[in-house]
Structures are given as C-alpha cells and as structure tokens.
Protein backbone atom coordinates (compact mmCIF):
# COMPACT_ATOMS: atom_id res chain seq x y z
CA MET A 1 -8.05 4.28 -33.51
CA SER A 2 -4.45 4.04 -31.47
CA THR A 3 -1.45 3.75 -33.69
CA PRO A 4 0.93 1.02 -32.85
CA GLU A 5 3.24 3.46 -31.06
CA GLU A 6 0.54 4.62 -28.48
CA THR A 7 -0.73 1.08 -27.84
CA SER A 8 3.07 0.25 -27.00
CA LEU A 9 3.29 3.22 -24.83
CA GLU A 10 -0.15 2.03 -23.12
CA GLU A 11 1.05 -1.26 -22.81
CA LEU A 12 4.04 -0.16 -21.20
CA LYS A 13 2.45 2.16 -18.80
CA GLY A 14 -0.22 -0.36 -18.00
CA LYS A 15 3.10 -2.87 -17.09
CA LYS A 16 4.44 -0.66 -15.02
CA GLN A 17 1.32 0.20 -12.66
CA ALA A 18 0.89 -3.76 -12.33
CA THR A 19 4.44 -4.21 -11.44
CA SER A 20 4.14 -1.26 -8.73
CA GLY A 21 0.64 -2.87 -7.18
CA LEU A 22 2.49 -6.03 -7.24
CA LYS A 23 5.64 -4.57 -5.57
CA SER A 24 3.39 -2.87 -3.22
CA PHE A 25 1.40 -5.90 -2.21
CA ILE A 26 4.65 -8.03 -1.62
CA ALA A 27 6.58 -4.98 0.33
CA GLY A 28 3.21 -4.81 2.45
CA GLY A 29 3.52 -8.26 3.08
CA PHE A 30 7.14 -7.91 4.33
CA GLY A 31 5.71 -4.92 6.33
CA GLY A 32 3.15 -7.13 8.17
CA ILE A 33 5.90 -9.76 9.06
CA SER A 34 8.09 -6.98 10.71
CA CYS A 35 5.15 -5.41 12.33
CA VAL A 36 4.42 -8.73 14.24
CA LEU A 37 8.03 -9.48 14.98
CA VAL A 38 8.60 -6.35 16.79
CA GLY A 39 5.35 -5.68 18.20
CA HIS A 40 4.23 -9.00 19.21
CA PRO A 41 6.01 -9.09 22.57
CA PHE A 42 4.62 -5.48 23.50
CA ASP A 43 1.11 -7.08 22.53
CA LEU A 44 1.53 -10.15 24.70
CA ILE A 45 2.78 -8.16 27.93
CA LYS A 46 -0.18 -5.45 27.16
CA VAL A 47 -2.63 -8.67 27.39
CA ARG A 48 -1.01 -10.14 30.08
CA LEU A 49 -1.42 -6.82 32.34
CA GLN A 50 -4.84 -6.30 30.78
CA THR A 51 -5.98 -9.62 32.17
CA ALA A 52 -3.83 -10.42 35.22
CA LYS A 53 -5.46 -10.20 38.64
CA PRO A 54 -4.39 -7.42 40.47
CA GLY A 55 -1.08 -7.62 42.48
CA VAL A 56 0.43 -9.49 39.94
CA TYR A 57 2.45 -7.35 38.05
CA ASN A 58 3.95 -3.69 38.97
CA GLY A 59 3.90 -2.43 35.55
CA VAL A 60 5.32 -3.25 31.79
CA LEU A 61 8.90 -3.83 33.03
CA ASP A 62 7.82 -6.49 36.00
CA CYS A 63 5.48 -8.34 33.54
CA ALA A 64 8.60 -8.40 30.91
CA ARG A 65 11.09 -9.56 33.49
CA LYS A 66 8.75 -12.44 35.18
CA THR A 67 7.47 -13.63 31.56
CA VAL A 68 11.44 -14.16 30.87
CA ARG A 69 12.41 -15.32 33.86
CA ALA A 70 9.50 -18.05 33.69
CA ASP A 71 9.74 -18.89 29.94
CA GLY A 72 12.89 -17.50 28.56
CA PHE A 73 12.83 -14.64 25.76
CA ARG A 74 10.64 -17.33 23.66
CA GLY A 75 8.05 -16.54 26.26
CA LEU A 76 8.03 -13.13 24.86
CA TYR A 77 6.63 -14.65 21.43
CA ARG A 78 4.27 -17.20 22.80
CA GLY A 79 0.99 -17.17 20.32
CA MET A 80 2.58 -15.21 17.45
CA VAL A 81 1.66 -17.82 14.78
CA PRO A 82 -1.75 -16.69 14.63
CA PRO A 83 -1.01 -13.21 14.31
CA LEU A 84 1.90 -13.51 11.73
CA VAL A 85 -0.25 -15.69 9.49
CA GLY A 86 -3.39 -13.01 9.80
CA VAL A 87 -1.46 -9.93 9.89
CA THR A 88 0.78 -10.56 7.13
CA PRO A 89 -2.05 -10.58 4.17
CA VAL A 90 -3.96 -7.74 5.95
CA PHE A 91 -0.61 -5.39 5.48
CA ALA A 92 -0.17 -6.76 1.90
CA VAL A 93 -3.73 -5.78 0.71
CA SER A 94 -3.52 -2.20 2.76
CA PHE A 95 -0.29 -1.31 1.03
CA TRP A 96 -1.31 -2.56 -2.60
CA GLY A 97 -4.95 -0.42 -1.72
CA TYR A 98 -2.94 2.49 -0.44
CA ASN A 99 -1.03 2.41 -3.95
CA LEU A 100 -4.00 1.50 -5.94
CA GLY A 101 -5.64 4.85 -4.36
CA LYS A 102 -2.63 6.91 -5.63
CA ASN A 103 -2.98 5.61 -9.08
CA LEU A 104 -6.81 6.43 -8.81
CA VAL A 105 -5.73 9.90 -7.84
CA TYR A 106 -3.43 10.36 -11.08
CA LYS A 107 -6.13 9.10 -13.02
CA PHE A 108 -8.66 11.63 -12.11
CA THR A 109 -5.93 14.83 -11.88
CA PRO A 110 -4.59 14.13 -15.68
CA ASN A 111 -3.61 18.09 -15.85
CA ARG A 112 -1.60 17.97 -12.52
CA THR A 113 1.84 20.00 -12.74
CA SER A 114 3.42 18.05 -10.34
CA PRO A 115 3.65 14.52 -10.07
CA GLU A 116 4.16 14.85 -6.01
CA LEU A 117 0.48 14.09 -4.17
CA SER A 118 -0.58 16.68 -1.66
CA LEU A 119 -1.16 15.63 1.80
CA ALA A 120 -4.80 15.44 1.35
CA GLU A 121 -4.21 13.24 -1.79
CA ILE A 122 -2.34 10.71 0.39
CA SER A 123 -4.96 10.65 3.15
CA LEU A 124 -7.23 10.12 0.57
CA ALA A 125 -5.31 7.24 -1.11
CA GLY A 126 -5.05 5.84 2.52
CA ALA A 127 -8.46 6.18 3.46
CA PHE A 128 -9.25 4.45 0.34
CA SER A 129 -7.04 1.38 1.36
CA ALA A 130 -9.53 0.75 4.74
CA ALA A 131 -12.16 -0.47 2.06
CA PRO A 132 -10.01 -3.85 0.74
CA THR A 133 -8.72 -4.17 4.02
CA THR A 134 -11.76 -4.26 6.01
CA LEU A 135 -12.96 -7.23 4.03
CA LEU A 136 -10.38 -8.91 5.46
CA MET A 137 -10.28 -7.43 8.88
CA ALA A 138 -13.80 -7.43 10.01
CA PRO A 139 -14.10 -11.37 10.35
CA MET A 140 -10.72 -11.71 11.72
CA GLU A 141 -11.36 -8.88 14.33
CA ARG A 142 -14.84 -10.62 15.41
CA VAL A 143 -13.13 -13.60 15.90
CA LYS A 144 -10.07 -12.28 17.91
CA VAL A 145 -12.39 -9.69 20.03
CA VAL A 146 -14.58 -12.99 20.87
CA LEU A 147 -11.41 -15.05 22.03
CA GLN A 148 -9.92 -12.01 23.91
CA VAL A 149 -12.92 -11.31 26.24
CA GLN A 150 -13.83 -14.63 26.92
CA GLY A 151 -12.65 -16.26 30.16
CA GLN A 152 -13.08 -13.20 32.20
CA GLU A 153 -15.64 -14.15 34.14
CA GLY A 154 -14.44 -17.84 34.84
CA SER A 155 -15.62 -19.86 31.83
CA THR A 156 -14.77 -20.06 28.25
CA ALA A 157 -16.75 -20.75 25.49
CA TYR A 158 -14.55 -21.44 22.48
CA LYS A 159 -10.92 -23.37 22.44
CA GLY A 160 -9.18 -21.55 19.56
CA PRO A 161 -9.74 -19.65 16.57
CA VAL A 162 -11.44 -22.55 14.64
CA ASP A 163 -13.90 -23.31 17.32
CA ALA A 164 -14.84 -19.87 17.59
CA ILE A 165 -15.56 -19.21 13.91
CA LYS A 166 -17.56 -22.42 14.14
CA GLY A 167 -19.68 -21.19 17.29
CA ILE A 168 -20.26 -17.51 15.77
CA TYR A 169 -21.34 -18.98 12.69
CA ARG A 170 -23.56 -21.54 14.08
CA GLU A 171 -25.11 -18.31 15.88
CA GLY A 172 -25.94 -16.34 13.06
CA GLY A 173 -24.12 -17.52 10.20
CA ILE A 174 -22.20 -15.28 7.62
CA ARG A 175 -23.81 -11.90 9.04
CA SER A 176 -22.55 -13.18 12.67
CA LEU A 177 -18.83 -13.43 11.21
CA PHE A 178 -19.02 -10.05 9.70
CA ARG A 179 -20.50 -8.23 12.39
CA GLY A 180 -19.08 -5.16 13.13
CA THR A 181 -17.88 -4.77 9.43
CA GLY A 182 -19.19 -1.02 9.48
CA ALA A 183 -17.62 -0.39 12.71
CA THR A 184 -13.96 -1.57 11.28
CA LEU A 185 -14.48 0.25 8.48
CA LEU A 186 -15.23 3.53 10.55
CA ARG A 187 -11.99 2.97 12.50
CA ASP A 188 -9.89 1.79 9.70
CA ALA A 189 -10.79 4.56 7.16
CA PRO A 190 -9.97 7.81 9.22
CA GLY A 191 -6.99 5.77 10.97
CA SER A 192 -5.41 4.93 7.53
CA ALA A 193 -5.77 8.50 6.14
CA ALA A 194 -4.07 9.31 9.30
CA TYR A 195 -1.51 6.42 9.36
CA PHE A 196 -0.07 7.36 5.47
CA PHE A 197 -0.40 11.26 6.00
CA ALA A 198 1.48 11.15 9.24
CA TYR A 199 4.14 8.75 7.53
CA GLU A 200 4.69 11.12 4.18
CA TRP A 201 4.28 14.42 6.37
CA THR A 202 7.07 13.46 8.87
CA LYS A 203 9.29 11.98 5.66
CA ARG A 204 9.10 15.22 3.79
CA LEU A 205 9.65 17.26 7.10
CA LEU A 206 12.93 15.32 7.89
CA THR A 207 13.84 15.37 4.30
CA PRO A 208 16.90 18.03 3.68
CA LYS A 209 16.57 20.75 0.80
CA GLY A 210 17.89 19.13 -2.54
CA SER A 211 17.16 15.38 -1.45
CA LYS A 212 14.62 13.02 -1.98
CA PRO A 213 12.54 11.45 0.82
CA GLU A 214 13.22 8.13 -0.61
CA ASP A 215 17.05 8.86 0.44
CA LEU A 216 16.21 9.20 4.01
CA LYS A 217 18.47 7.38 6.55
CA VAL A 218 17.24 4.61 8.67
CA ALA A 219 16.36 6.48 11.81
CA SER A 220 14.42 8.99 9.88
CA VAL A 221 12.51 6.20 8.20
CA LEU A 222 11.75 4.52 11.76
CA PHE A 223 10.71 7.95 13.49
CA ALA A 224 8.12 8.65 10.51
CA GLY A 225 7.04 4.92 11.01
CA GLY A 226 6.41 5.27 14.92
CA MET A 227 4.68 8.72 14.06
CA ALA A 228 2.62 7.19 11.68
CA GLY A 229 1.19 4.33 14.10
CA VAL A 230 0.72 7.17 16.88
CA ALA A 231 -1.34 9.56 14.62
CA MET A 232 -3.41 6.28 13.57
CA TRP A 233 -3.87 5.02 16.90
CA THR A 234 -5.11 8.50 18.27
CA ILE A 235 -7.74 8.80 15.53
CA ALA A 236 -8.76 4.86 15.75
CA ILE A 237 -8.89 4.08 19.26
CA PRO A 238 -12.56 5.77 20.06
CA PRO A 239 -13.81 3.59 16.79
CA ASP A 240 -12.08 0.44 18.08
CA VAL A 241 -13.58 0.79 21.36
CA LEU A 242 -17.28 0.81 19.79
CA LYS A 243 -16.16 -2.04 17.31
CA SER A 244 -14.93 -4.08 20.38
CA ARG A 245 -17.87 -3.78 22.19
CA LEU A 246 -20.16 -4.45 19.39
CA GLN A 247 -18.28 -7.39 18.17
CA SER A 248 -17.79 -8.78 22.06
CA ALA A 249 -21.48 -8.33 22.91
CA PRO A 250 -24.08 -11.57 22.95
CA PRO A 251 -26.70 -11.03 20.21
CA GLY A 252 -29.72 -8.44 20.95
CA THR A 253 -27.39 -6.21 23.19
CA TYR A 254 -26.96 -3.34 20.88
CA SER A 255 -28.86 -2.34 17.48
CA GLY A 256 -26.02 -0.83 15.69
CA ILE A 257 -22.81 1.38 16.11
CA TRP A 258 -24.54 4.52 17.12
CA ASP A 259 -26.57 2.36 19.66
CA VAL A 260 -23.11 1.21 21.09
CA PHE A 261 -21.90 4.87 21.12
CA ARG A 262 -24.93 6.03 22.86
CA LYS A 263 -25.06 3.48 25.60
CA THR A 264 -21.22 3.99 26.22
CA MET A 265 -22.01 7.59 26.91
CA ALA A 266 -24.87 7.28 29.20
CA THR A 267 -22.88 4.56 31.10
CA ASP A 268 -19.26 5.25 30.95
CA GLY A 269 -18.89 8.82 29.69
CA PRO A 270 -16.55 10.20 26.95
CA LYS A 271 -13.30 8.87 28.74
CA ALA A 272 -14.30 5.38 27.66
CA LEU A 273 -13.63 6.38 24.38
CA PHE A 274 -9.80 6.39 24.86
CA LYS A 275 -9.53 3.39 26.89
CA GLY A 276 -6.32 1.32 26.00
CA TRP A 277 -5.00 4.50 24.14
CA GLY A 278 -1.44 4.12 26.21
CA ALA A 279 -1.34 0.03 25.74
CA ALA A 280 -2.17 0.78 22.13
CA MET A 281 0.88 3.34 21.84
CA LEU A 282 3.49 1.07 23.72
CA ARG A 283 3.25 -1.15 20.64
CA ALA A 284 2.23 0.97 18.03
CA ILE A 285 5.47 3.37 17.79
CA PRO A 286 8.01 0.20 17.86
CA ALA A 287 5.82 -1.83 15.39
CA ASN A 288 4.90 0.84 12.94
CA ALA A 289 8.69 1.67 12.77
CA ALA A 290 9.25 -1.68 11.92
CA THR A 291 6.44 -2.01 9.42
CA PHE A 292 7.61 1.03 7.24
CA MET A 293 11.13 -0.08 7.34
CA GLY A 294 10.29 -3.89 6.28
CA TYR A 295 8.18 -2.20 3.51
CA GLU A 296 10.76 0.60 2.32
CA VAL A 297 13.82 -1.97 2.62
CA SER A 298 11.84 -4.85 0.89
CA LEU A 299 10.43 -2.27 -2.10
CA LYS A 300 14.28 -1.28 -2.93
CA VAL A 301 15.32 -4.80 -3.02
CA MET A 302 12.66 -5.49 -5.84
CA ASN A 303 13.29 -1.98 -7.44
CA LEU A 304 16.94 -3.43 -7.61
CA LEU A 305 15.68 -6.98 -9.04
CA TRP A 306 13.28 -5.84 -11.39
C-alpha cells in the first residue's frame, strides 16, 4: 500500500505528464497553423503548375508573378480555409502522439541512466505518433485526393468537400471513406519517424558544447525544421504515390496497396514512385521550418504561463 507521500508524488508526476501532453497538443496546433500560413502559397503554385495547360506558366516564379498580378497577394492564399481547419487538429494530434510516444519509451525503460532519448527512441516515438494521426488523416486524404484529381478529363463529379463526402459514402459507406488507411499509415509511420529524427538530430548537431538544444537561436530551429520536412518527404513520397493512386482510382481498380505497387511498376517503372518529389520539397522546407518554429515558440510561452 502506498504512503501519502508516495501517492502525492505519483499524482504530481501524472499531473506533469498530463500538462506536458496538453501543451504538446496545443503547441502542435499552433505548428499546424504556421505550416498552412507559410506553406499554402507554395501549395497553390504547385497545384496550378500541375493542372495548368502546357504553356500557361514558364515555372514557379512565372506562376507566382501571374497569380499576384491577377488576384493580388491575397490570391496566393485562395482556398486556405479548408486546410487551415483540417491541418491544425492533425498537427495537434501528431505532436501529442509524439509526446505520448516519448512517455511510453520512458515507461518501458525505467532503469535508464540518462533522460535524453536516443535518436532510435526518437524515431520510435515519431513512428508511434502516426497511429492516432492516421485516424484523422485517412478520410481527409481520401476526400482531398478525389477532389484534386477530378476535372482532368473535362468533368467534375463533386462540387466541394461536403459533396465529395456524401458521394464517397453513397459509393461504399464508411469503408469507402477510409479507403487507403493502411497506405496512409505506411506513408506516415516511417515518414514521421524520419521527421522527428531529422529535427532532433539537426538540433543536437547545431547545439554548441555546454548548451542545450532548447536554447538554439531562431535560424537554427528553422533550419532543423526544414531538414525534418526534407527527410520526411524523401521517405514518404513512394508510399504517398501508391496511396494517392489507390484513393483516387474507381472501385475495383486495385485489390490493395500491393496491387497498386505491382501495377505501377509494370506500367511506369520505379521512377513513378518519386513523382512530385520536387514539388513536395518546394513546400516542405519553408512549411516545416514554420511548423517547428510555431511549436517551439508556443511551447515556451505556455511554459512561462504555467
């Protein structure tokens, strides 16, 4: 039976862990907002380059210039509300899951001699964060992909996200909305492991001897965040290609993720697995630099407040 002193210590420890989880959740939400605010113009340009007829744009700068000329700088943020609403809770859950993963590592290594997690343990916690995130991401990704690919052959099936959700549900119920969940986890588990590994590794590399990673300057945090984005999408692009093909294909086209891989290799070869890598990098570096900056700044503010 625990003594009153032991009970108080256990309660205090539990309270600290709960607060830490809450802070990670809130800070992750701010990271998601920062990601969208910085990354949306790059995403808009990427989509316009991918969908425009040949000759409309000469490249990234030409697309940006023509967009601003036609719609002003506000044009670069057209369509930002849906991702802002959707991405914010996803990032909140991702960072909460990462924090939970780290706490689980501590729980299963009670005799550790150092509080600093190894990079392998960081990767494990990062991969764990993909599990709760996938439950949110899978149906969102399904709807997003269906909307993004429609209209390429002249007609559109859905007017917007709500209409797409209704149509996908009519097509096959809840299972249809969650088509590609396994593929999403296949993308996000290794991608998240690489994401947090690269961020922590870069921070440790940039930390002067005798200092702490938490004390790094803004430029170093931004650089580490950018490297996290590069690492994640370098790992995640191949399964992302397979996921997109599975989620956008008509029912019956593929029997599963392995069937997508086999048919992709047969028709397009290995290079197809890296389609869109350049466009992903264009957005990943600034967007994820902003993500971690938003996360770190909001976390420091909360630590000052409580």
